[in-house]
């Protein structure tokens, strides 16, 4: 797999670091805006890449079979679409798009052109989610699910001081729902599918962004409560409670360290995640799929990504006074 990089932010730096240790993967080129050329050249020197500042030229001349889109949320759709139209496979950071219609369009385009399109959200490729899937039936009828991912960071400090990064700009599809709670939704929906009904209540900042909020997903017989915050921090976890016991994951679900099963009052660890938060397992999984040419697992995961996007959009529509996204 030969990957061209679009972007130069913190997630791109993480991706480059983890991709550099992945077998059969090479990052070959990077596309940045002209005003970010210095940052692009710095990364290019470190990882042996060629720098472009024109995306069309990058797609046309860059030595790549796959494009990694690590840009702000509102740029995922146009950059991914242009790459697919150019015949490139695409790895796109979460959330896949900012509307369900965009997600459906990209999925259809990828299948039409027989290309891979992956949403990078880590959970399926680690040890935690597969273990929870394996053991959840032992809990008997599920009655309650709780997920918490609350972590304030530098972006919120800057927000309080008057500066607004894209992650806290509603016009850029920022906010706790799209940037943080999406992980909780991926986890819950990977286990239980599409909910029957959803509702969302948020704390909103001065620009209308949801700095924190809680989504409630209604399923037959139980509720899933997904809370995320960018304006406060706490211990984080996901808890699945059934009539016969419970399963708890420790830490934010995107980087959970372990999963514990409790039946009859006896606890046991059912999974450990040795590389918490590492992107390497997903990168290696994508490379294997590309090498074998089997697109079925990719398209099955893509169907899930579209469903998550439909739920995200339904939740977002419940934020009072929400602003339109930038084009």
Protein backbone atom coordinates (compact mmCIF):
# COMPACT_ATOMS: atom_id res chain seq x y z
CA UNK A 1 0.00 0.00 0.00
CA UNK A 2 1.45 3.36 -1.10
CA UNK A 3 -0.28 6.22 0.69
CA UNK A 4 -0.49 9.89 -0.16
CA UNK A 5 -1.39 12.17 2.76
CA UNK A 6 -3.85 15.08 2.62
CA UNK A 7 -3.34 17.38 5.61
CA UNK A 8 -0.72 18.18 8.22
CA UNK A 9 -2.55 18.36 11.56
CA UNK A 10 -2.06 16.34 14.73
CA UNK A 11 -4.02 13.31 13.48
CA UNK A 12 -1.83 13.24 10.33
CA UNK A 13 1.27 13.19 12.49
CA UNK A 14 -0.13 10.26 14.47
CA UNK A 15 -1.04 8.44 11.28
CA UNK A 16 2.45 8.93 9.82
CA UNK A 17 4.11 7.71 13.01
CA UNK A 18 1.99 4.54 13.19
CA UNK A 19 2.07 3.87 9.44
CA UNK A 20 5.87 4.01 9.49
CA UNK A 21 5.90 0.81 11.56
CA UNK A 22 3.26 -1.04 9.54
CA UNK A 23 4.30 -3.84 7.19
CA UNK A 24 3.75 -3.41 3.42
CA UNK A 25 2.85 0.28 3.92
CA UNK A 26 4.76 3.29 2.62
CA UNK A 27 3.80 6.96 2.78
CA UNK A 28 5.02 8.56 -0.44
CA UNK A 29 3.69 12.10 -0.69
CA UNK A 30 1.86 14.82 1.21
CA UNK A 31 -0.47 17.61 0.08
CA UNK A 32 -0.76 20.78 2.17
CA UNK A 33 -1.95 24.31 1.60
CA UNK A 34 0.67 26.74 0.33
CA UNK A 35 0.69 28.57 3.66
CA UNK A 36 1.49 25.26 5.38
CA UNK A 37 4.34 24.32 3.04
CA UNK A 38 6.93 24.57 5.84
CA UNK A 39 5.03 22.02 7.94
CA UNK A 40 4.61 19.77 4.92
CA UNK A 41 8.30 19.92 4.11
CA UNK A 42 9.17 19.13 7.72
CA UNK A 43 7.02 15.99 7.61
CA UNK A 44 8.30 15.12 4.14
CA UNK A 45 11.90 15.18 5.35
CA UNK A 46 11.06 13.02 8.36
CA UNK A 47 9.12 10.37 6.43
CA UNK A 48 10.71 10.54 2.97
CA UNK A 49 7.79 12.06 1.08
CA UNK A 50 7.32 14.52 -1.77
CA UNK A 51 5.39 17.73 -1.04
CA UNK A 52 2.49 19.08 -3.12
CA UNK A 53 0.35 22.17 -2.59
CA UNK A 54 -2.11 21.48 -5.42
CA UNK A 55 -4.51 18.59 -4.75
CA UNK A 56 -5.23 17.86 -8.40
CA UNK A 57 -1.50 17.66 -9.15
CA UNK A 58 -1.03 15.50 -6.06
CA UNK A 59 -3.66 13.03 -7.28
CA UNK A 60 -2.37 13.07 -10.83
CA UNK A 61 1.38 12.82 -10.21
CA UNK A 62 1.81 11.49 -6.69
CA UNK A 63 3.19 7.97 -6.35
CA UNK A 64 0.24 6.43 -4.47
CA UNK A 65 -2.59 3.94 -4.73
CA UNK A 66 -4.38 5.25 -1.62
CA UNK A 67 -5.15 8.70 -0.23
CA UNK A 68 -5.40 9.35 3.51
CA UNK A 69 -7.74 12.28 4.23
CA UNK A 70 -6.81 13.83 7.59
CA UNK A 71 -8.48 17.24 7.24
CA UNK A 72 -11.24 19.10 9.12
CA UNK A 73 -14.59 17.34 9.07
CA UNK A 74 -16.19 19.46 6.36
CA UNK A 75 -13.37 18.64 3.94
CA UNK A 76 -13.68 14.85 4.22
CA UNK A 77 -16.38 14.56 1.56
CA UNK A 78 -14.92 16.76 -1.22
CA UNK A 79 -11.37 15.43 -0.83
CA UNK A 80 -12.48 11.79 -0.62
CA UNK A 81 -14.79 12.18 -3.62
CA UNK A 82 -12.07 13.78 -5.74
CA UNK A 83 -9.66 10.99 -4.83
CA UNK A 84 -12.18 8.27 -5.71
CA UNK A 85 -12.91 9.96 -9.04
CA UNK A 86 -9.17 9.92 -9.69
CA UNK A 87 -9.14 6.15 -9.17
CA UNK A 88 -7.52 6.16 -5.72
CA UNK A 89 -8.54 4.12 -2.70
CA UNK A 90 -9.34 6.29 0.32
CA UNK A 91 -8.76 6.14 4.07
CA UNK A 92 -10.86 8.93 5.58
CA UNK A 93 -10.73 10.07 9.18
CA UNK A 94 -13.89 9.92 11.25
CA UNK A 95 -16.57 11.09 10.79
CA UNK A 96 -16.69 9.82 7.22
CA UNK A 97 -18.70 12.88 6.11
CA UNK A 98 -20.94 15.50 7.73
CA UNK A 99 -24.25 14.42 6.17
CA UNK A 100 -25.81 11.06 5.49
CA UNK A 101 -26.37 11.93 1.83
CA UNK A 102 -22.65 12.55 1.39
CA UNK A 103 -21.82 9.22 3.04
CA UNK A 104 -24.24 7.34 0.80
CA UNK A 105 -22.84 9.05 -2.29
CA UNK A 106 -19.23 8.17 -1.44
CA UNK A 107 -20.15 4.57 -0.64
CA UNK A 108 -21.96 4.20 -3.96
CA UNK A 109 -19.07 5.80 -5.84
CA UNK A 110 -16.51 3.48 -4.24
CA UNK A 111 -18.55 0.40 -5.15
CA UNK A 112 -19.20 1.66 -8.68
CA UNK A 113 -15.48 2.19 -9.29
CA UNK A 114 -14.49 -0.99 -7.39
CA UNK A 115 -12.34 0.97 -4.97
CA UNK A 116 -11.72 0.66 -1.24
CA UNK A 117 -13.12 3.39 1.02
CA UNK A 118 -12.37 3.02 4.72
CA UNK A 119 -13.46 5.19 7.61
CA UNK A 120 -10.62 5.30 10.12
CA UNK A 121 -12.19 4.72 13.54
CA UNK A 122 -9.94 2.05 15.08
CA UNK A 123 -12.53 0.04 17.06
CA UNK A 124 -12.99 -2.98 14.75
CA UNK A 125 -9.25 -3.56 14.47
CA UNK A 126 -8.28 -3.63 18.14
CA UNK A 127 -8.91 -6.35 20.73
CA UNK A 128 -11.68 -4.70 22.78
CA UNK A 129 -14.70 -4.58 20.45
CA UNK A 130 -14.27 -8.16 19.11
CA UNK A 131 -14.07 -9.47 22.69
CA UNK A 132 -17.17 -7.57 23.77
CA UNK A 133 -19.04 -8.89 20.72
CA UNK A 134 -18.03 -12.42 21.64
CA UNK A 135 -19.20 -12.22 25.27
CA UNK A 136 -22.17 -9.84 25.23
CA UNK A 137 -24.72 -12.66 24.79
CA UNK A 138 -23.61 -14.11 28.13
CA UNK A 139 -25.20 -11.11 29.87
CA UNK A 140 -28.71 -12.25 29.05
CA UNK A 141 -31.21 -9.55 28.06
CA UNK A 142 -29.39 -6.21 27.94
CA UNK A 143 -31.12 -3.50 29.97
CA UNK A 144 -28.78 -0.50 29.91
CA UNK A 145 -25.69 0.71 28.06
CA UNK A 146 -23.62 3.67 29.22
CA UNK A 147 -20.68 5.21 27.37
CA UNK A 148 -18.65 8.19 28.58
CA UNK A 149 -15.89 10.00 26.69
CA UNK A 150 -15.21 13.32 28.43
CA UNK A 151 -11.87 15.02 28.00
CA UNK A 152 -11.13 18.75 27.85
CA UNK A 153 -7.96 19.76 26.07
CA UNK A 154 -6.00 22.65 24.62
CA UNK A 155 -8.69 23.44 22.05
CA UNK A 156 -11.17 24.21 24.83
CA UNK A 157 -8.61 26.31 26.72
CA UNK A 158 -8.15 28.37 23.57
CA UNK A 159 -11.91 28.53 23.08
CA UNK A 160 -12.32 30.06 26.55
CA UNK A 161 -9.65 32.59 25.64
CA UNK A 162 -11.54 33.59 22.49
CA UNK A 163 -9.87 31.49 19.77
CA UNK A 164 -11.96 28.90 17.94
CA UNK A 165 -10.36 25.87 16.35
CA UNK A 166 -12.32 23.87 13.74
CA UNK A 167 -13.01 21.14 16.35
CA UNK A 168 -15.12 23.67 18.26
CA UNK A 169 -16.58 25.50 15.27
CA UNK A 170 -20.11 24.33 14.36
CA UNK A 171 -19.67 25.67 10.83
CA UNK A 172 -16.80 23.19 10.40
CA UNK A 173 -18.86 20.29 11.83
CA UNK A 174 -16.96 20.54 15.09
CA UNK A 175 -18.31 19.85 18.56
CA UNK A 176 -18.50 16.94 20.94
CA UNK A 177 -21.04 14.96 18.91
CA UNK A 178 -19.07 14.76 15.67
CA UNK A 179 -15.57 14.77 17.12
CA UNK A 180 -15.94 12.63 20.26
CA UNK A 181 -19.34 11.00 20.69
CA UNK A 182 -18.98 9.43 17.25
CA UNK A 183 -16.70 6.84 18.90
CA UNK A 184 -19.41 5.90 21.41
CA UNK A 185 -21.95 5.61 18.60
CA UNK A 186 -19.66 3.39 16.54
CA UNK A 187 -19.19 1.11 19.55
CA UNK A 188 -22.87 0.82 20.44
CA UNK A 189 -24.05 0.41 16.86
CA UNK A 190 -21.35 -2.19 16.12
CA UNK A 191 -22.88 -4.28 18.89
CA UNK A 192 -26.60 -3.58 18.56
CA UNK A 193 -27.24 -2.09 15.13
CA UNK A 194 -29.44 0.86 14.25
CA UNK A 195 -31.53 2.24 17.13
CA UNK A 196 -35.31 2.63 16.87
CA UNK A 197 -35.26 6.24 18.10
CA UNK A 198 -32.65 8.80 19.08
CA UNK A 199 -32.53 12.08 20.98
CA UNK A 200 -29.75 14.53 21.81
CA UNK A 201 -29.33 17.18 24.48
CA UNK A 202 -26.27 19.42 24.51
CA UNK A 203 -24.47 22.11 26.41
CA UNK A 204 -23.77 24.85 23.89
CA UNK A 205 -20.96 27.38 23.85
CA UNK A 206 -21.11 31.01 22.81
CA UNK A 207 -21.02 30.12 19.09
CA UNK A 208 -23.68 27.43 19.39
CA UNK A 209 -21.25 24.52 19.33
CA UNK A 210 -22.09 21.51 21.47
CA UNK A 211 -19.16 21.56 23.89
CA UNK A 212 -20.69 18.52 25.61
CA UNK A 213 -23.83 16.47 25.22
CA UNK A 214 -25.70 13.22 25.73
CA UNK A 215 -27.27 11.07 23.04
CA UNK A 216 -29.90 8.51 24.00
CA UNK A 217 -30.41 5.60 21.62
CA UNK A 218 -33.55 3.53 22.09
CA UNK A 219 -33.46 -0.21 21.35
CA UNK A 220 -35.93 -2.98 22.09
CA UNK A 221 -35.73 -3.51 25.85
CA UNK A 222 -32.95 -1.07 26.66
CA UNK A 223 -31.44 2.37 26.25
CA UNK A 224 -27.89 3.32 25.30
CA UNK A 225 -26.73 6.57 26.88
CA UNK A 226 -23.72 8.10 25.11
CA UNK A 227 -22.11 11.12 26.76
CA UNK A 228 -19.18 13.09 25.39
CA UNK A 229 -17.53 16.32 26.45
CA UNK A 230 -14.80 18.65 25.26
CA UNK A 231 -15.39 21.12 28.11
CA UNK A 232 -14.69 18.84 31.11
CA UNK A 233 -12.82 15.65 31.96
CA UNK A 234 -13.52 12.48 33.92
CA UNK A 235 -12.77 8.79 34.13
CA UNK A 236 -14.18 7.25 30.99
CA UNK A 237 -15.73 3.87 30.27
CA UNK A 238 -18.40 1.90 28.45
CA UNK A 239 -20.72 -0.31 30.51
CA UNK A 240 -23.16 -2.89 29.19
CA UNK A 241 -25.58 -4.14 31.83
CA UNK A 242 -27.61 -7.30 31.38
CA UNK A 243 -29.85 -9.35 33.65
CA UNK A 244 -27.04 -11.86 34.27
CA UNK A 245 -24.04 -9.53 34.54
CA UNK A 246 -22.09 -6.71 32.96
CA UNK A 247 -19.18 -5.83 30.68
CA UNK A 248 -17.09 -2.74 31.30
CA UNK A 249 -14.38 -1.23 29.11
CA UNK A 250 -11.89 1.08 30.78
CA UNK A 251 -10.90 4.42 29.28
CA UNK A 252 -12.35 6.27 26.28
CA UNK A 253 -13.62 3.60 23.90
CA UNK A 254 -11.28 4.81 21.16
CA UNK A 255 -8.30 3.91 23.36
CA UNK A 256 -9.72 1.52 25.96
CA UNK A 257 -7.07 -0.41 27.87
CA UNK A 258 -9.09 -3.51 28.76
CA UNK A 259 -12.56 -5.09 28.94
CA UNK A 260 -13.93 -6.87 32.02
CA UNK A 261 -16.80 -9.39 32.17
CA UNK A 262 -18.70 -9.93 35.42
CA UNK A 263 -21.07 -12.90 35.81
CA UNK A 264 -22.42 -14.06 39.17
CA UNK A 265 -20.27 -11.53 40.95
CA UNK A 266 -17.02 -12.92 39.49
CA UNK A 267 -14.95 -10.62 37.31
CA UNK A 268 -12.48 -11.60 34.61
CA UNK A 269 -10.53 -9.68 32.00
CA UNK A 270 -11.66 -10.67 28.51
CA UNK A 271 -9.41 -8.34 26.50
CA UNK A 272 -6.31 -6.19 26.83
CA UNK A 273 -5.30 -3.56 24.31
CA UNK A 274 -1.48 -3.48 24.25
CA UNK A 275 -1.20 -0.39 22.02
CA UNK A 276 -3.80 1.99 23.40
CA UNK A 277 -4.94 4.44 20.75
CA UNK A 278 -2.53 3.13 18.11
CA UNK A 279 -3.62 3.46 14.49
CA UNK A 280 -1.29 0.67 13.37
CA UNK A 281 -3.81 -2.24 13.60
CA UNK A 282 -6.31 -0.49 11.32
CA UNK A 283 -3.60 0.57 8.84
CA UNK A 284 -2.35 -3.01 8.65
CA UNK A 285 -5.90 -4.32 8.23
CA UNK A 286 -6.50 -1.92 5.33
CA UNK A 287 -3.22 -2.95 3.72
CA UNK A 288 -4.16 -6.65 3.96
CA UNK A 289 -7.54 -6.03 2.37
CA UNK A 290 -5.95 -4.10 -0.47
CA UNK A 291 -3.35 -6.83 -0.97
CA UNK A 292 -5.96 -9.59 -1.21
CA UNK A 293 -8.35 -7.48 -3.28
CA UNK A 294 -11.33 -8.65 -1.22
CA UNK A 295 -13.58 -5.61 -0.92
CA UNK A 296 -16.42 -7.39 0.93
CA UNK A 297 -15.21 -6.60 4.49
CA UNK A 298 -14.59 -3.01 3.46
CA UNK A 299 -18.07 -2.56 2.01
CA UNK A 300 -19.70 -4.19 5.04
CA UNK A 301 -17.89 -1.75 7.30
CA UNK A 302 -18.81 1.08 4.95
CA UNK A 303 -22.49 0.19 5.32
CA UNK A 304 -22.04 0.52 9.08
CA UNK A 305 -20.32 3.90 8.61
CA UNK A 306 -23.27 5.16 6.57
CA UNK A 307 -25.69 4.05 9.30
CA UNK A 308 -23.64 5.84 11.94
CA UNK A 309 -23.68 8.96 9.77
CA UNK A 310 -27.47 8.76 9.51
CA UNK A 311 -27.76 8.61 13.30
CA UNK A 312 -25.21 11.42 13.75
CA UNK A 313 -27.19 13.65 11.42
CA UNK A 314 -30.46 12.86 13.20
CA UNK A 315 -28.85 13.78 16.53
CA UNK A 316 -27.24 16.93 15.16
CA UNK A 317 -30.59 18.15 13.84
CA UNK A 318 -31.77 18.35 17.46
CA UNK A 319 -29.17 20.97 18.49
CA UNK A 320 -31.04 24.30 18.94
CA UNK A 321 -30.00 27.01 16.52
CA UNK A 322 -27.47 24.80 14.76
CA UNK A 323 -25.40 26.57 12.14
CA UNK A 324 -25.04 25.37 8.55
CA UNK A 325 -21.77 23.72 7.63
CA UNK A 326 -19.26 25.54 5.50
CA UNK A 327 -19.18 24.45 1.87
